[in-house]
Amino acid sequence: MRHASVPLSQHPPTVFSEWNTVPVTKFAISMPRETMKRVDRAAKRLGMTRSRYIAVVLDGVARNERDTAISRKVDEVLAQIGEQDLSSVALFRRARRDEGTEW
């Protein structure tokens, strides 16, 4: 089976490093200078580039929002369960993992 070659110009932007290749999306944002100075200081302290630091922070925020939405939905479903299933609800709530989702 032969694969058609795709011109490099049609591939998404990619970040290359020693250990991996990661597809990326570039975008521009505006923010106050003081905020950017704090971002730059934090990135430097952690030994990251500005871009990597912002990507890590935004990924954490997005994951937290997703986890919160899932927990909220689970709580809504559990709240609809009848009285006879309260023991199951208690088991589910004990099994729910909140650890590591707080800021």
PDB file of N, CA and C in Angstrom:
ATOM      1  N   MET A   1       0.845  -1.178   0.000  1.00  0.00           N
ATOM      2  CA  MET A   1       0.000   0.000   0.000  1.00  0.00           C
ATOM      3  C   MET A   1       0.890   1.241   0.000  1.00  0.00           C
ATOM      4  N   ARG A   2       0.633   2.133  -0.917  1.00  0.00           N
ATOM      5  CA  ARG A   2       1.441   3.348  -1.047  1.00  0.00           C
ATOM      6  C   ARG A   2       0.685   4.537  -0.459  1.00  0.00           C
ATOM      7  N   HIS A   3       1.369   5.341   0.331  1.00  0.00           N
ATOM      8  CA  HIS A   3       0.779   6.526   0.935  1.00  0.00           C
ATOM      9  C   HIS A   3       1.128   7.745   0.090  1.00  0.00           C
ATOM     10  N   ALA A   4       0.149   8.586  -0.146  1.00  0.00           N
ATOM     11  CA  ALA A   4       0.389   9.817  -0.890  1.00  0.00           C
ATOM     12  C   ALA A   4       1.175  10.774  -0.006  1.00  0.00           C
ATOM     13  N   SER A   5       2.141  11.441  -0.568  1.00  0.00           N
ATOM     14  CA  SER A   5       2.885  12.413   0.226  1.00  0.00           C
ATOM     15  C   SER A   5       2.102  13.719   0.288  1.00  0.00           C
ATOM     16  N   VAL A   6       2.157  14.331   1.466  1.00  0.00           N
ATOM     17  CA  VAL A   6       1.449  15.595   1.686  1.00  0.00           C
ATOM     18  C   VAL A   6       2.504  16.684   1.810  1.00  0.00           C
ATOM     19  N   PRO A   7       2.358  17.769   1.057  1.00  0.00           N
ATOM     20  CA  PRO A   7       3.339  18.857   1.160  1.00  0.00           C
ATOM     21  C   PRO A   7       3.427  19.379   2.592  1.00  0.00           C
ATOM     22  N   LEU A   8       4.625  19.709   3.017  1.00  0.00           N
ATOM     23  CA  LEU A   8       4.855  20.210   4.366  1.00  0.00           C
ATOM     24  C   LEU A   8       3.989  21.422   4.680  1.00  0.00           C
ATOM     25  N   SER A   9       3.690  22.237   3.691  1.00  0.00           N
ATOM     26  CA  SER A   9       2.881  23.437   3.911  1.00  0.00           C
ATOM     27  C   SER A   9       1.453  23.110   4.335  1.00  0.00           C
ATOM     28  N   GLN A  10       1.004  21.873   4.125  1.00  0.00           N
ATOM     29  CA  GLN A  10      -0.350  21.480   4.502  1.00  0.00           C
ATOM     30  C   GLN A  10      -0.415  20.821   5.879  1.00  0.00           C
ATOM     31  N   HIS A  11       0.724  20.633   6.529  1.00  0.00           N
ATOM     32  CA  HIS A  11       0.753  20.066   7.877  1.00  0.00           C
ATOM     33  C   HIS A  11       0.519  21.177   8.895  1.00  0.00           C
ATOM     34  N   PRO A  12      -0.110  20.858  10.052  1.00  0.00           N
ATOM     35  CA  PRO A  12      -0.282  21.895  11.081  1.00  0.00           C
ATOM     36  C   PRO A  12       1.066  22.295  11.667  1.00  0.00           C
ATOM     37  N   PRO A  13       1.161  23.513  12.228  1.00  0.00           N
ATOM     38  CA  PRO A  13       2.415  23.919  12.870  1.00  0.00           C
ATOM     39  C   PRO A  13       2.799  22.901  13.941  1.00  0.00           C
ATOM     40  N   THR A  14       4.088  22.656  14.107  1.00  0.00           N
ATOM     41  CA  THR A  14       4.562  21.649  15.046  1.00  0.00           C
ATOM     42  C   THR A  14       5.738  22.204  15.827  1.00  0.00           C
ATOM     43  N   VAL A  15       5.789  21.858  17.118  1.00  0.00           N
ATOM     44  CA  VAL A  15       6.919  22.226  17.959  1.00  0.00           C
ATOM     45  C   VAL A  15       7.812  20.997  18.078  1.00  0.00           C
ATOM     46  N   PHE A  16       9.075  21.144  17.760  1.00  0.00           N
ATOM     47  CA  PHE A  16      10.019  20.042  17.857  1.00  0.00           C
ATOM     48  C   PHE A  16      10.876  20.229  19.094  1.00  0.00           C
ATOM     49  N   SER A  17      11.110  19.154  19.816  1.00  0.00           N
ATOM     50  CA  SER A  17      12.025  19.196  20.949  1.00  0.00           C
ATOM     51  C   SER A  17      12.850  17.919  20.921  1.00  0.00           C
ATOM     52  N   GLU A  18      13.729  17.762  21.887  1.00  0.00           N
ATOM     53  CA  GLU A  18      14.592  16.585  21.922  1.00  0.00           C
ATOM     54  C   GLU A  18      13.792  15.302  22.046  1.00  0.00           C
ATOM     55  N   TRP A  19      12.679  15.360  22.772  1.00  0.00           N
ATOM     56  CA  TRP A  19      11.971  14.126  23.108  1.00  0.00           C
ATOM     57  C   TRP A  19      10.635  13.931  22.399  1.00  0.00           C
ATOM     58  N   ASN A  20      10.096  14.940  21.756  1.00  0.00           N
ATOM     59  CA  ASN A  20       8.802  14.730  21.095  1.00  0.00           C
ATOM     60  C   ASN A  20       8.518  15.773  20.021  1.00  0.00           C
ATOM     61  N   THR A  21       7.445  15.524  19.320  1.00  0.00           N
ATOM     62  CA  THR A  21       6.932  16.452  18.319  1.00  0.00           C
ATOM     63  C   THR A  21       5.472  16.682  18.663  1.00  0.00           C
ATOM     64  N   VAL A  22       5.081  17.928  18.876  1.00  0.00           N
ATOM     65  CA  VAL A  22       3.729  18.235  19.323  1.00  0.00           C
ATOM     66  C   VAL A  22       3.061  19.198  18.343  1.00  0.00           C
ATOM     67  N   PRO A  23       1.893  18.814  17.776  1.00  0.00           N
ATOM     68  CA  PRO A  23       1.164  19.772  16.935  1.00  0.00           C
ATOM     69  C   PRO A  23       0.701  20.962  17.794  1.00  0.00           C
ATOM     70  N   VAL A  24       0.776  22.141  17.264  1.00  0.00           N
ATOM     71  CA  VAL A  24       0.408  23.334  18.032  1.00  0.00           C
ATOM     72  C   VAL A  24      -0.539  24.229  17.244  1.00  0.00           C
ATOM     73  N   THR A  25      -1.212  25.105  17.975  1.00  0.00           N
ATOM     74  CA  THR A  25      -2.010  26.168  17.382  1.00  0.00           C
ATOM     75  C   THR A  25      -1.439  27.477  17.890  1.00  0.00           C
ATOM     76  N   LYS A  26      -1.121  28.354  17.000  1.00  0.00           N
ATOM     77  CA  LYS A  26      -0.599  29.667  17.407  1.00  0.00           C
ATOM     78  C   LYS A  26      -1.748  30.659  17.445  1.00  0.00           C
ATOM     79  N   PHE A  27      -1.692  31.578  18.416  1.00  0.00           N
ATOM     80  CA  PHE A  27      -2.696  32.623  18.516  1.00  0.00           C
ATOM     81  C   PHE A  27      -2.089  33.814  19.225  1.00  0.00           C
ATOM     82  N   ALA A  28      -2.695  34.962  19.051  1.00  0.00           N
ATOM     83  CA  ALA A  28      -2.217  36.188  19.681  1.00  0.00           C
ATOM     84  C   ALA A  28      -3.219  36.617  20.751  1.00  0.00           C
ATOM     85  N   ILE A  29      -2.702  37.065  21.884  1.00  0.00           N
ATOM     86  CA  ILE A  29      -3.566  37.579  22.947  1.00  0.00           C
ATOM     87  C   ILE A  29      -3.019  38.926  23.406  1.00  0.00           C
ATOM     88  N   SER A  30      -3.901  39.716  23.953  1.00  0.00           N
ATOM     89  CA  SER A  30      -3.494  40.994  24.543  1.00  0.00           C
ATOM     90  C   SER A  30      -3.687  40.888  26.036  1.00  0.00           C
ATOM     91  N   MET A  31      -2.705  41.385  26.782  1.00  0.00           N
ATOM     92  CA  MET A  31      -2.838  41.391  28.235  1.00  0.00           C
ATOM     93  C   MET A  31      -2.040  42.554  28.798  1.00  0.00           C
ATOM     94  N   PRO A  32      -2.384  42.969  30.009  1.00  0.00           N
ATOM     95  CA  PRO A  32      -1.658  44.087  30.621  1.00  0.00           C
ATOM     96  C   PRO A  32      -0.162  43.765  30.760  1.00  0.00           C
ATOM     97  N   ARG A  33       0.674  44.787  30.624  1.00  0.00           N
ATOM     98  CA  ARG A  33       2.131  44.602  30.728  1.00  0.00           C
ATOM     99  C   ARG A  33       2.537  43.973  32.049  1.00  0.00           C
ATOM    100  N   GLU A  34       1.908  44.419  33.134  1.00  0.00           N
ATOM    101  CA  GLU A  34       2.268  43.877  34.448  1.00  0.00           C
ATOM    102  C   GLU A  34       1.966  42.384  34.541  1.00  0.00           C
ATOM    103  N   THR A  35       0.871  41.966  33.936  1.00  0.00           N
ATOM    104  CA  THR A  35       0.539  40.537  33.919  1.00  0.00           C
ATOM    105  C   THR A  35       1.616  39.778  33.157  1.00  0.00           C
ATOM    106  N   MET A  36       2.015  40.290  32.010  1.00  0.00           N
ATOM    107  CA  MET A  36       3.040  39.620  31.214  1.00  0.00           C
ATOM    108  C   MET A  36       4.364  39.567  31.954  1.00  0.00           C
ATOM    109  N   LYS A  37       4.691  40.618  32.705  1.00  0.00           N
ATOM    110  CA  LYS A  37       5.924  40.604  33.495  1.00  0.00           C
ATOM    111  C   LYS A  37       5.862  39.492  34.538  1.00  0.00           C
ATOM    112  N   ARG A  38       4.697  39.326  35.189  1.00  0.00           N
ATOM    113  CA  ARG A  38       4.549  38.252  36.179  1.00  0.00           C
ATOM    114  C   ARG A  38       4.655  36.881  35.514  1.00  0.00           C
ATOM    115  N   VAL A  39       4.053  36.758  34.337  1.00  0.00           N
ATOM    116  CA  VAL A  39       4.140  35.497  33.583  1.00  0.00           C
ATOM    117  C   VAL A  39       5.594  35.198  33.249  1.00  0.00           C
ATOM    118  N   ASP A  40       6.316  36.187  32.752  1.00  0.00           N
ATOM    119  CA  ASP A  40       7.720  35.982  32.391  1.00  0.00           C
ATOM    120  C   ASP A  40       8.567  35.596  33.605  1.00  0.00           C
ATOM    121  N   ARG A  41       8.334  36.261  34.746  1.00  0.00           N
ATOM    122  CA  ARG A  41       9.099  35.922  35.961  1.00  0.00           C
ATOM    123  C   ARG A  41       8.799  34.496  36.416  1.00  0.00           C
ATOM    124  N   ALA A  42       7.518  34.120  36.386  1.00  0.00           N
ATOM    125  CA  ALA A  42       7.138  32.766  36.810  1.00  0.00           C
ATOM    126  C   ALA A  42       7.734  31.723  35.868  1.00  0.00           C
ATOM    127  N   ALA A  43       7.671  31.970  34.573  1.00  0.00           N
ATOM    128  CA  ALA A  43       8.229  31.026  33.599  1.00  0.00           C
ATOM    129  C   ALA A  43       9.732  30.867  33.806  1.00  0.00           C
ATOM    130  N   LYS A  44      10.401  31.976  34.017  1.00  0.00           N
ATOM    131  CA  LYS A  44      11.850  31.928  34.234  1.00  0.00           C
ATOM    132  C   LYS A  44      12.181  31.151  35.498  1.00  0.00           C
ATOM    133  N   ARG A  45      11.428  31.420  36.567  1.00  0.00           N
ATOM    134  CA  ARG A  45      11.642  30.714  37.839  1.00  0.00           C
ATOM    135  C   ARG A  45      11.497  29.206  37.670  1.00  0.00           C
ATOM    136  N   LEU A  46      10.564  28.797  36.811  1.00  0.00           N
ATOM    137  CA  LEU A  46      10.297  27.370  36.600  1.00  0.00           C
ATOM    138  C   LEU A  46      11.121  26.766  35.466  1.00  0.00           C
ATOM    139  N   GLY A  47      11.955  27.593  34.830  1.00  0.00           N
ATOM    140  CA  GLY A  47      12.799  27.092  33.751  1.00  0.00           C
ATOM    141  C   GLY A  47      12.025  26.758  32.483  1.00  0.00           C
ATOM    142  N   MET A  48      10.938  27.510  32.245  1.00  0.00           N
ATOM    143  CA  MET A  48      10.111  27.284  31.055  1.00  0.00           C
ATOM    144  C   MET A  48      10.167  28.498  30.153  1.00  0.00           C
ATOM    145  N   THR A  49       9.800  28.264  28.913  1.00  0.00           N
ATOM    146  CA  THR A  49       9.595  29.401  28.022  1.00  0.00           C
ATOM    147  C   THR A  49       8.254  30.037  28.382  1.00  0.00           C
ATOM    148  N   ARG A  50       8.067  31.269  27.957  1.00  0.00           N
ATOM    149  CA  ARG A  50       6.785  31.943  28.180  1.00  0.00           C
ATOM    150  C   ARG A  50       5.649  31.127  27.556  1.00  0.00           C
ATOM    151  N   SER A  51       5.872  30.671  26.338  1.00  0.00           N
ATOM    152  CA  SER A  51       4.852  29.914  25.625  1.00  0.00           C
ATOM    153  C   SER A  51       4.489  28.629  26.372  1.00  0.00           C
ATOM    154  N   ARG A  52       5.505  27.902  26.825  1.00  0.00           N
ATOM    155  CA  ARG A  52       5.249  26.646  27.557  1.00  0.00           C
ATOM    156  C   ARG A  52       4.512  26.927  28.863  1.00  0.00           C
ATOM    157  N   TYR A  53       4.926  27.956  29.589  1.00  0.00           N
ATOM    158  CA  TYR A  53       4.274  28.298  30.852  1.00  0.00           C
ATOM    159  C   TYR A  53       2.789  28.607  30.633  1.00  0.00           C
ATOM    160  N   ILE A  54       2.497  29.437  29.639  1.00  0.00           N
ATOM    161  CA  ILE A  54       1.101  29.793  29.358  1.00  0.00           C
ATOM    162  C   ILE A  54       0.318  28.555  28.942  1.00  0.00           C
ATOM    163  N   ALA A  55       0.922  27.677  28.140  1.00  0.00           N
ATOM    164  CA  ALA A  55       0.242  26.442  27.710  1.00  0.00           C
ATOM    165  C   ALA A  55      -0.082  25.558  28.911  1.00  0.00           C
ATOM    166  N   VAL A  56       0.853  25.426  29.839  1.00  0.00           N
ATOM    167  CA  VAL A  56       0.634  24.589  31.033  1.00  0.00           C
ATOM    168  C   VAL A  56      -0.476  25.178  31.898  1.00  0.00           C
ATOM    169  N   VAL A  57      -0.434  26.494  32.108  1.00  0.00           N
ATOM    170  CA  VAL A  57      -1.467  27.147  32.920  1.00  0.00           C
ATOM    171  C   VAL A  57      -2.843  26.999  32.274  1.00  0.00           C
ATOM    172  N   LEU A  58      -2.938  27.279  30.979  1.00  0.00           N
ATOM    173  CA  LEU A  58      -4.229  27.171  30.294  1.00  0.00           C
ATOM    174  C   LEU A  58      -4.746  25.732  30.273  1.00  0.00           C
ATOM    175  N   ASP A  59      -3.847  24.768  30.110  1.00  0.00           N
ATOM    176  CA  ASP A  59      -4.263  23.369  30.145  1.00  0.00           C
ATOM    177  C   ASP A  59      -4.828  23.026  31.521  1.00  0.00           C
ATOM    178  N   GLY A  60      -4.186  23.504  32.578  1.00  0.00           N
ATOM    179  CA  GLY A  60      -4.682  23.251  33.929  1.00  0.00           C
ATOM    180  C   GLY A  60      -6.059  23.863  34.157  1.00  0.00           C
ATOM    181  N   VAL A  61      -6.246  25.081  33.683  1.00  0.00           N
ATOM    182  CA  VAL A  61      -7.543  25.752  33.822  1.00  0.00           C
ATOM    183  C   VAL A  61      -8.619  24.977  33.062  1.00  0.00           C
ATOM    184  N   ALA A  62      -8.314  24.569  31.836  1.00  0.00           N
ATOM    185  CA  ALA A  62      -9.292  23.833  31.018  1.00  0.00           C
ATOM    186  C   ALA A  62      -9.629  22.483  31.637  1.00  0.00           C
ATOM    187  N   ARG A  63      -8.621  21.779  32.145  1.00  0.00           N
ATOM    188  CA  ARG A  63      -8.878  20.479  32.798  1.00  0.00           C
ATOM    189  C   ARG A  63      -9.731  20.665  34.045  1.00  0.00           C
ATOM    190  N   ASN A  64      -9.436  21.695  34.824  1.00  0.00           N
ATOM    191  CA  ASN A  64     -10.207  21.956  36.037  1.00  0.00           C
ATOM    192  C   ASN A  64     -11.668  22.245  35.697  1.00  0.00           C
ATOM    193  N   GLU A  65     -11.882  23.046  34.646  1.00  0.00           N
ATOM    194  CA  GLU A  65     -13.250  23.368  34.227  1.00  0.00           C
ATOM    195  C   GLU A  65     -13.977  22.099  33.789  1.00  0.00           C
ATOM    196  N   ARG A  66     -13.298  21.251  33.028  1.00  0.00           N
ATOM    197  CA  ARG A  66     -13.898  19.989  32.583  1.00  0.00           C
ATOM    198  C   ARG A  66     -14.242  19.090  33.779  1.00  0.00           C
ATOM    199  N   ASP A  67     -13.296  18.959  34.727  1.00  0.00           N
ATOM    200  CA  ASP A  67     -13.541  18.131  35.908  1.00  0.00           C
ATOM    201  C   ASP A  67     -14.700  18.662  36.738  1.00  0.00           C
ATOM    202  N   THR A  68     -14.787  19.979  36.865  1.00  0.00           N
ATOM    203  CA  THR A  68     -15.884  20.600  37.608  1.00  0.00           C
ATOM    204  C   THR A  68     -17.215  20.335  36.921  1.00  0.00           C
ATOM    205  N   ALA A  69     -17.239  20.439  35.598  1.00  0.00           N
ATOM    206  CA  ALA A  69     -18.469  20.180  34.845  1.00  0.00           C
ATOM    207  C   ALA A  69     -18.902  18.725  34.994  1.00  0.00           C
ATOM    208  N   ILE A  70     -17.953  17.805  34.959  1.00  0.00           N
ATOM    209  CA  ILE A  70     -18.278  16.388  35.134  1.00  0.00           C
ATOM    210  C   ILE A  70     -18.818  16.143  36.534  1.00  0.00           C
ATOM    211  N   SER A  71     -18.158  16.689  37.541  1.00  0.00           N
ATOM    212  CA  SER A  71     -18.618  16.516  38.926  1.00  0.00           C
ATOM    213  C   SER A  71     -20.017  17.087  39.115  1.00  0.00           C
ATOM    214  N   ARG A  72     -20.263  18.255  38.500  1.00  0.00           N
ATOM    215  CA  ARG A  72     -21.586  18.878  38.601  1.00  0.00           C
ATOM    216  C   ARG A  72     -22.650  17.973  37.979  1.00  0.00           C
ATOM    217  N   LYS A  73     -22.345  17.386  36.832  1.00  0.00           N
ATOM    218  CA  LYS A  73     -23.294  16.508  36.157  1.00  0.00           C
ATOM    219  C   LYS A  73     -23.547  15.245  36.986  1.00  0.00           C
ATOM    220  N   VAL A  74     -22.502  14.671  37.550  1.00  0.00           N
ATOM    221  CA  VAL A  74     -22.661  13.490  38.416  1.00  0.00           C
ATOM    222  C   VAL A  74     -23.544  13.838  39.606  1.00  0.00           C
ATOM    223  N   ASP A  75     -23.309  14.990  40.221  1.00  0.00           N
ATOM    224  CA  ASP A  75     -24.129  15.422  41.354  1.00  0.00           C
ATOM    225  C   ASP A  75     -25.593  15.585  40.941  1.00  0.00           C
ATOM    226  N   GLU A  76     -25.842  16.141  39.748  1.00  0.00           N
ATOM    227  CA  GLU A  76     -27.224  16.303  39.269  1.00  0.00           C
ATOM    228  C   GLU A  76     -27.907  14.946  39.101  1.00  0.00           C
ATOM    229  N   VAL A  77     -27.202  13.995  38.517  1.00  0.00           N
ATOM    230  CA  VAL A  77     -27.771  12.652  38.322  1.00  0.00           C
ATOM    231  C   VAL A  77     -28.031  11.987  39.662  1.00  0.00           C
ATOM    232  N   LEU A  78     -27.065  12.086  40.555  1.00  0.00           N
ATOM    233  CA  LEU A  78     -27.230  11.459  41.873  1.00  0.00           C
ATOM    234  C   LEU A  78     -28.375  12.089  42.654  1.00  0.00           C
ATOM    235  N   ALA A  79     -28.594  13.374  42.470  1.00  0.00           N
ATOM    236  CA  ALA A  79     -29.679  14.063  43.177  1.00  0.00           C
ATOM    237  C   ALA A  79     -31.047  13.578  42.692  1.00  0.00           C
ATOM    238  N   GLN A  80     -31.113  13.020  41.492  1.00  0.00           N
ATOM    239  CA  GLN A  80     -32.379  12.553  40.935  1.00  0.00           C
ATOM    240  C   GLN A  80     -32.707  11.110  41.331  1.00  0.00           C
ATOM    241  N   ILE A  81     -31.756  10.445  41.951  1.00  0.00           N
ATOM    242  CA  ILE A  81     -31.991   9.053  42.337  1.00  0.00           C
ATOM    243  C   ILE A  81     -32.945   9.006  43.522  1.00  0.00           C
ATOM    244  N   GLY A  82     -33.848   8.049  43.509  1.00  0.00           N
ATOM    245  CA  GLY A  82     -34.865   7.925  44.564  1.00  0.00           C
ATOM    246  C   GLY A  82     -34.302   7.540  45.924  1.00  0.00           C
ATOM    247  N   GLU A  83     -35.141   7.643  46.940  1.00  0.00           N
ATOM    248  CA  GLU A  83     -34.761   7.345  48.322  1.00  0.00           C
ATOM    249  C   GLU A  83     -34.185   5.940  48.484  1.00  0.00           C
ATOM    250  N   GLN A  84     -34.743   4.959  47.762  1.00  0.00           N
ATOM    251  CA  GLN A  84     -34.293   3.584  47.922  1.00  0.00           C
ATOM    252  C   GLN A  84     -32.836   3.393  47.503  1.00  0.00           C
ATOM    253  N   ASP A  85     -32.315   4.320  46.729  1.00  0.00           N
ATOM    254  CA  ASP A  85     -30.940   4.194  46.244  1.00  0.00           C
ATOM    255  C   ASP A  85     -29.948   5.079  46.995  1.00  0.00           C
ATOM    256  N   LEU A  86     -30.355   5.602  48.156  1.00  0.00           N
ATOM    257  CA  LEU A  86     -29.473   6.505  48.893  1.00  0.00           C
ATOM    258  C   LEU A  86     -28.166   5.840  49.314  1.00  0.00           C
ATOM    259  N   SER A  87     -28.204   4.552  49.617  1.00  0.00           N
ATOM    260  CA  SER A  87     -26.956   3.882  50.002  1.00  0.00           C
ATOM    261  C   SER A  87     -25.994   3.841  48.814  1.00  0.00           C
ATOM    262  N   SER A  88     -26.519   3.652  47.607  1.00  0.00           N
ATOM    263  CA  SER A  88     -25.668   3.673  46.415  1.00  0.00           C
ATOM    264  C   SER A  88     -25.093   5.068  46.183  1.00  0.00           C
ATOM    265  N   VAL A  89     -25.908   6.084  46.401  1.00  0.00           N
ATOM    266  CA  VAL A  89     -25.454   7.460  46.251  1.00  0.00           C
ATOM    267  C   VAL A  89     -24.276   7.716  47.186  1.00  0.00           C
ATOM    268  N   ALA A  90     -24.399   7.282  48.433  1.00  0.00           N
ATOM    269  CA  ALA A  90     -23.312   7.479  49.398  1.00  0.00           C
ATOM    270  C   ALA A  90     -22.037   6.793  48.926  1.00  0.00           C
ATOM    271  N   LEU A  91     -22.156   5.603  48.367  1.00  0.00           N
ATOM    272  CA  LEU A  91     -20.983   4.893  47.852  1.00  0.00           C
ATOM    273  C   LEU A  91     -20.355   5.640  46.674  1.00  0.00           C
ATOM    274  N   PHE A  92     -21.188   6.128  45.756  1.00  0.00           N
ATOM    275  CA  PHE A  92     -20.673   6.877  44.618  1.00  0.00           C
ATOM    276  C   PHE A  92     -19.965   8.152  45.064  1.00  0.00           C
ATOM    277  N   ARG A  93     -20.554   8.852  46.011  1.00  0.00           N
ATOM    278  CA  ARG A  93     -19.938  10.110  46.465  1.00  0.00           C
ATOM    279  C   ARG A  93     -18.605   9.846  47.154  1.00  0.00           C
ATOM    280  N   ARG A  94     -18.501   8.754  47.899  1.00  0.00           N
ATOM    281  CA  ARG A  94     -17.226   8.418  48.540  1.00  0.00           C
ATOM    282  C   ARG A  94     -16.182   8.056  47.485  1.00  0.00           C
ATOM    283  N   ALA A  95     -16.621   7.470  46.385  1.00  0.00           N
ATOM    284  CA  ALA A  95     -15.700   7.049  45.328  1.00  0.00           C
ATOM    285  C   ALA A  95     -15.275   8.210  44.441  1.00  0.00           C
ATOM    286  N   ARG A  96     -16.047   9.303  44.450  1.00  0.00           N
ATOM    287  CA  ARG A  96     -15.725  10.456  43.607  1.00  0.00           C
ATOM    288  C   ARG A  96     -14.406  11.063  44.044  1.00  0.00           C
ATOM    289  N   ARG A  97     -13.574  11.369  43.100  1.00  0.00           N
ATOM    290  CA  ARG A  97     -12.243  11.900  43.386  1.00  0.00           C
ATOM    291  C   ARG A  97     -12.233  13.417  43.244  1.00  0.00           C
ATOM    292  N   ASP A  98     -12.164  14.122  44.361  1.00  0.00           N
ATOM    293  CA  ASP A  98     -12.042  15.579  44.326  1.00  0.00           C
ATOM    294  C   ASP A  98     -10.589  16.010  44.518  1.00  0.00           C
ATOM    295  N   GLU A  99      -9.792  15.118  45.072  1.00  0.00           N
ATOM    296  CA  GLU A  99      -8.410  15.428  45.368  1.00  0.00           C
ATOM    297  C   GLU A  99      -7.648  15.795  44.091  1.00  0.00           C
ATOM    298  N   GLY A 100      -6.914  16.874  44.138  1.00  0.00           N
ATOM    299  CA  GLY A 100      -6.132  17.291  42.986  1.00  0.00           C
ATOM    300  C   GLY A 100      -6.883  18.173  42.002  1.00  0.00           C
ATOM    301  N   THR A 101      -8.177  18.434  42.254  1.00  0.00           N
ATOM    302  CA  THR A 101      -8.939  19.279  41.333  1.00  0.00           C
ATOM    303  C   THR A 101      -9.085  20.694  41.867  1.00  0.00           C
ATOM    304  N   GLU A 102      -8.645  20.928  43.100  1.00  0.00           N
ATOM    305  CA  GLU A 102      -8.761  22.279  43.651  1.00  0.00           C
ATOM    306  C   GLU A 102      -7.566  23.112  43.227  1.00  0.00           C
ATOM    307  N   TRP A 103      -7.719  24.424  43.297  1.00  0.00           N
ATOM    308  CA  TRP A 103      -6.626  25.324  42.939  1.00  0.00           C
ATOM    309  C   TRP A 103      -5.928  25.782  44.143  1.00  0.00           C
TER     310      TRP A 103
END
